[in-house]
Protein backbone atom coordinates (compact mmCIF):
# COMPACT_ATOMS: atom_id res chain seq x y z
CA MET A 1 15.67 21.01 3.63
CA LYS A 2 16.94 24.56 5.64
CA GLU A 3 15.68 23.31 8.43
CA PHE A 4 18.13 20.12 7.66
CA SER A 5 21.16 22.31 7.70
CA ALA A 6 19.74 24.54 10.56
CA ARG A 7 19.58 21.56 13.10
CA ALA A 8 23.12 20.24 12.48
CA THR A 9 24.60 23.73 12.66
CA ALA A 10 22.37 24.29 15.85
CA ALA A 11 23.88 20.94 17.32
CA GLU A 12 27.36 21.83 16.70
CA ALA A 13 27.11 25.10 18.27
CA ASN A 14 25.88 23.50 21.60
CA GLY A 15 29.02 21.15 21.31
CA GLN A 16 27.67 18.00 20.25
CA ASP A 17 29.32 16.06 17.22
CA GLY A 18 27.94 17.61 14.12
CA THR A 19 28.70 14.31 11.66
CA ALA A 20 26.19 12.56 13.91
CA ALA A 21 23.57 15.38 14.17
CA GLU A 22 23.63 15.82 10.23
CA LEU A 23 23.06 12.14 9.77
CA LEU A 24 20.41 11.70 11.91
CA ALA A 25 19.07 15.33 10.86
CA ALA A 26 19.87 13.50 6.93
CA ILE A 27 17.96 9.97 7.49
CA SER A 28 14.48 12.03 9.22
CA ALA A 29 14.97 14.23 6.16
CA VAL A 30 14.66 11.28 3.51
CA ARG A 31 12.79 8.92 5.45
CA ARG A 32 9.97 11.92 6.66
CA THR A 33 10.11 13.02 3.18
CA ALA A 34 9.68 9.62 1.64
CA ARG A 35 6.43 8.94 3.75
CA ARG A 36 4.74 11.68 2.08
CA ALA A 37 6.11 11.62 -1.14
CA VAL A 38 4.31 7.76 -0.94
CA ARG A 39 1.04 8.85 0.99
CA GLN A 40 0.71 11.34 -1.76
CA ARG A 41 -0.07 8.12 -4.17
CA TRP A 42 -0.41 5.18 -1.66
CA HIS A 43 -4.65 3.90 -2.79
CA ALA A 44 -5.29 2.71 0.99
CA GLU A 45 -5.87 4.31 4.21
CA PRO A 46 -2.37 4.56 5.96
CA LEU A 47 -1.70 2.72 8.98
CA PRO A 48 -1.19 4.04 12.13
CA MET A 49 3.44 3.76 12.51
CA ALA A 50 2.90 1.34 15.37
CA GLN A 51 0.91 -0.71 12.79
CA GLY A 52 2.66 -0.37 10.33
CA GLU A 53 5.88 -1.48 12.24
CA LEU A 54 4.00 -4.37 13.92
CA LEU A 55 2.69 -5.61 10.41
CA ARG A 56 6.59 -5.47 8.99
CA LEU A 57 8.49 -7.63 12.21
CA VAL A 58 4.98 -10.18 11.85
CA ALA A 59 5.97 -10.48 7.69
CA ALA A 60 9.87 -10.51 8.50
CA GLN A 61 9.36 -13.16 12.06
CA PRO A 62 6.33 -14.96 11.09
CA GLY A 63 5.00 -17.13 13.85
CA ILE A 64 6.61 -14.59 16.35
CA SER A 65 4.66 -14.10 19.63
CA VAL A 66 2.92 -10.80 21.69
CA ALA A 67 5.98 -10.85 24.22
CA GLU A 68 8.19 -11.33 20.95
CA ALA A 69 7.47 -8.82 19.50
CA ALA A 70 6.55 -6.59 22.28
CA ALA A 71 10.21 -7.21 23.53
CA GLU A 72 11.27 -6.28 19.53
CA LEU A 73 9.60 -3.08 19.15
CA ARG A 74 10.27 -1.94 22.58
CA LEU A 75 6.55 -1.95 23.68
CA ALA A 76 4.73 -3.27 26.83
CA PRO A 77 2.95 -6.41 25.55
CA ASN A 78 -0.65 -4.94 26.33
CA THR A 79 0.11 -2.78 23.56
CA VAL A 80 1.22 -4.85 21.42
CA SER A 81 -1.90 -7.21 22.42
CA THR A 82 -3.79 -3.83 20.98
CA LEU A 83 -2.21 -3.08 17.64
CA VAL A 84 -3.19 -7.17 16.91
CA SER A 85 -6.43 -6.94 18.23
CA ARG A 86 -6.92 -3.94 15.82
CA LEU A 87 -4.48 -5.36 12.64
CA VAL A 88 -6.88 -8.66 13.09
CA THR A 89 -9.84 -7.39 12.72
CA GLY A 90 -8.97 -4.74 9.60
CA GLY A 91 -7.58 -8.72 8.04
CA LEU A 92 -4.32 -8.20 8.16
CA LEU A 93 -2.82 -10.76 10.99
CA THR A 94 -4.43 -13.81 12.49
CA ARG A 95 -3.61 -15.17 15.47
CA GLY A 96 -3.06 -18.93 15.87
CA ARG A 97 -2.89 -21.17 18.82
CA VAL A 98 0.36 -23.39 19.76
CA VAL A 99 -0.62 -27.13 19.51
CA ALA A 100 1.48 -28.26 22.25
CA ASP A 101 1.03 -25.04 24.33
CA GLY A 102 -3.06 -23.69 23.63
CA ARG A 103 -2.53 -20.74 25.59
CA ALA A 104 0.48 -19.52 23.48
CA VAL A 105 -0.33 -17.61 20.50
CA ARG A 106 1.46 -17.11 17.01
CA LEU A 107 0.96 -14.39 14.63
CA THR A 108 1.07 -14.44 10.83
CA VAL A 109 0.42 -11.86 8.09
CA THR A 110 -3.16 -12.63 5.66
CA ALA A 111 -2.43 -12.32 2.32
CA LYS A 112 -4.18 -9.04 2.00
CA ALA A 113 -1.59 -8.13 4.34
CA GLY A 114 1.09 -9.76 2.21
CA GLN A 115 -0.28 -7.84 -1.00
CA ARG A 116 -0.38 -4.20 1.14
CA LEU A 117 3.39 -4.17 1.84
CA ALA A 118 4.33 -5.62 -1.33
CA SER A 119 2.56 -2.76 -3.07
CA TYR A 120 3.85 -0.32 -0.58
CA ARG A 121 7.64 -1.68 -0.78
CA ASP A 122 7.23 -1.13 -4.46
CA LEU A 123 5.78 1.94 -4.40
CA ARG A 124 8.57 3.37 -2.03
CA ALA A 125 10.83 1.97 -4.00
CA GLU A 126 9.45 3.40 -7.71
CA ILE A 127 9.70 6.43 -6.02
CA THR A 128 13.19 6.42 -4.43
CA GLN A 129 14.32 4.86 -7.95
CA HIS A 130 12.39 8.12 -9.95
CA ALA A 131 14.08 10.38 -7.61
CA MET A 132 17.95 9.38 -7.31
CA ALA A 133 17.71 8.77 -11.70
CA ARG A 134 17.25 12.90 -11.05
CA LEU A 135 20.75 12.81 -8.74
CA ALA A 136 24.19 13.26 -9.93
CA PRO A 137 26.11 10.00 -10.92
CA ALA A 138 28.87 10.03 -8.17
CA ASP A 139 25.82 10.95 -5.22
CA VAL A 140 24.41 7.91 -6.78
CA GLU A 141 27.20 6.18 -5.82
CA ALA A 142 28.09 7.41 -2.36
CA LEU A 143 24.70 6.67 -1.61
CA THR A 144 24.74 3.12 -2.83
CA SER A 145 28.06 3.22 -0.55
CA ALA A 146 26.58 4.28 2.24
CA ALA A 147 23.68 2.09 2.59
CA PRO A 148 25.87 -0.96 4.17
CA ALA A 149 27.73 1.46 6.56
CA LEU A 150 23.86 2.57 7.19
CA LEU A 151 22.84 -0.73 8.33
CA ARG A 152 25.65 -1.47 11.09
CA LEU A 153 24.87 2.11 12.41
CA ALA A 154 21.51 0.56 12.91
CA GLU A 155 22.44 -2.72 14.72
CA GLN A 156 24.91 -1.13 17.12
CA LEU A 157 22.42 1.57 17.73
CA GLY A 158 20.13 -1.15 18.40
CA ARG A 159 22.49 -2.35 20.75
CA PRO A 160 22.49 -1.49 24.81
């Protein structure tokens, strides 16, 4: 966490808004340490980040096309096609043809992928809940109150 404070201080010294730099450094630190904690207890081989993002997207939007997924993830369609091929080979995604247009492909997660996503989500929640239980009540309240604002910030960051 010393790294977090040092980066925020450096941002302020460079004339950047220290609040934004500090917030982003904190979010990065939480994501990195949460990912590390989960991987220490995770039973399966972890997916590369891009494959995991695509899998979560398809789970959230069943029937999404490769082009739509590429636009959503801000990746080239051929990159997403490669990711899809790897996930299909791994038994985590299925490609289905649209009846009206035999060329269009729609993506769905397999039962195996659904179970994997649920297990990973549950483990992350368990680890985070355990960590939050060790925090002061005021910190837990601050984090709980901040969640909606962080989601709104993510929405704003995603806008051009």
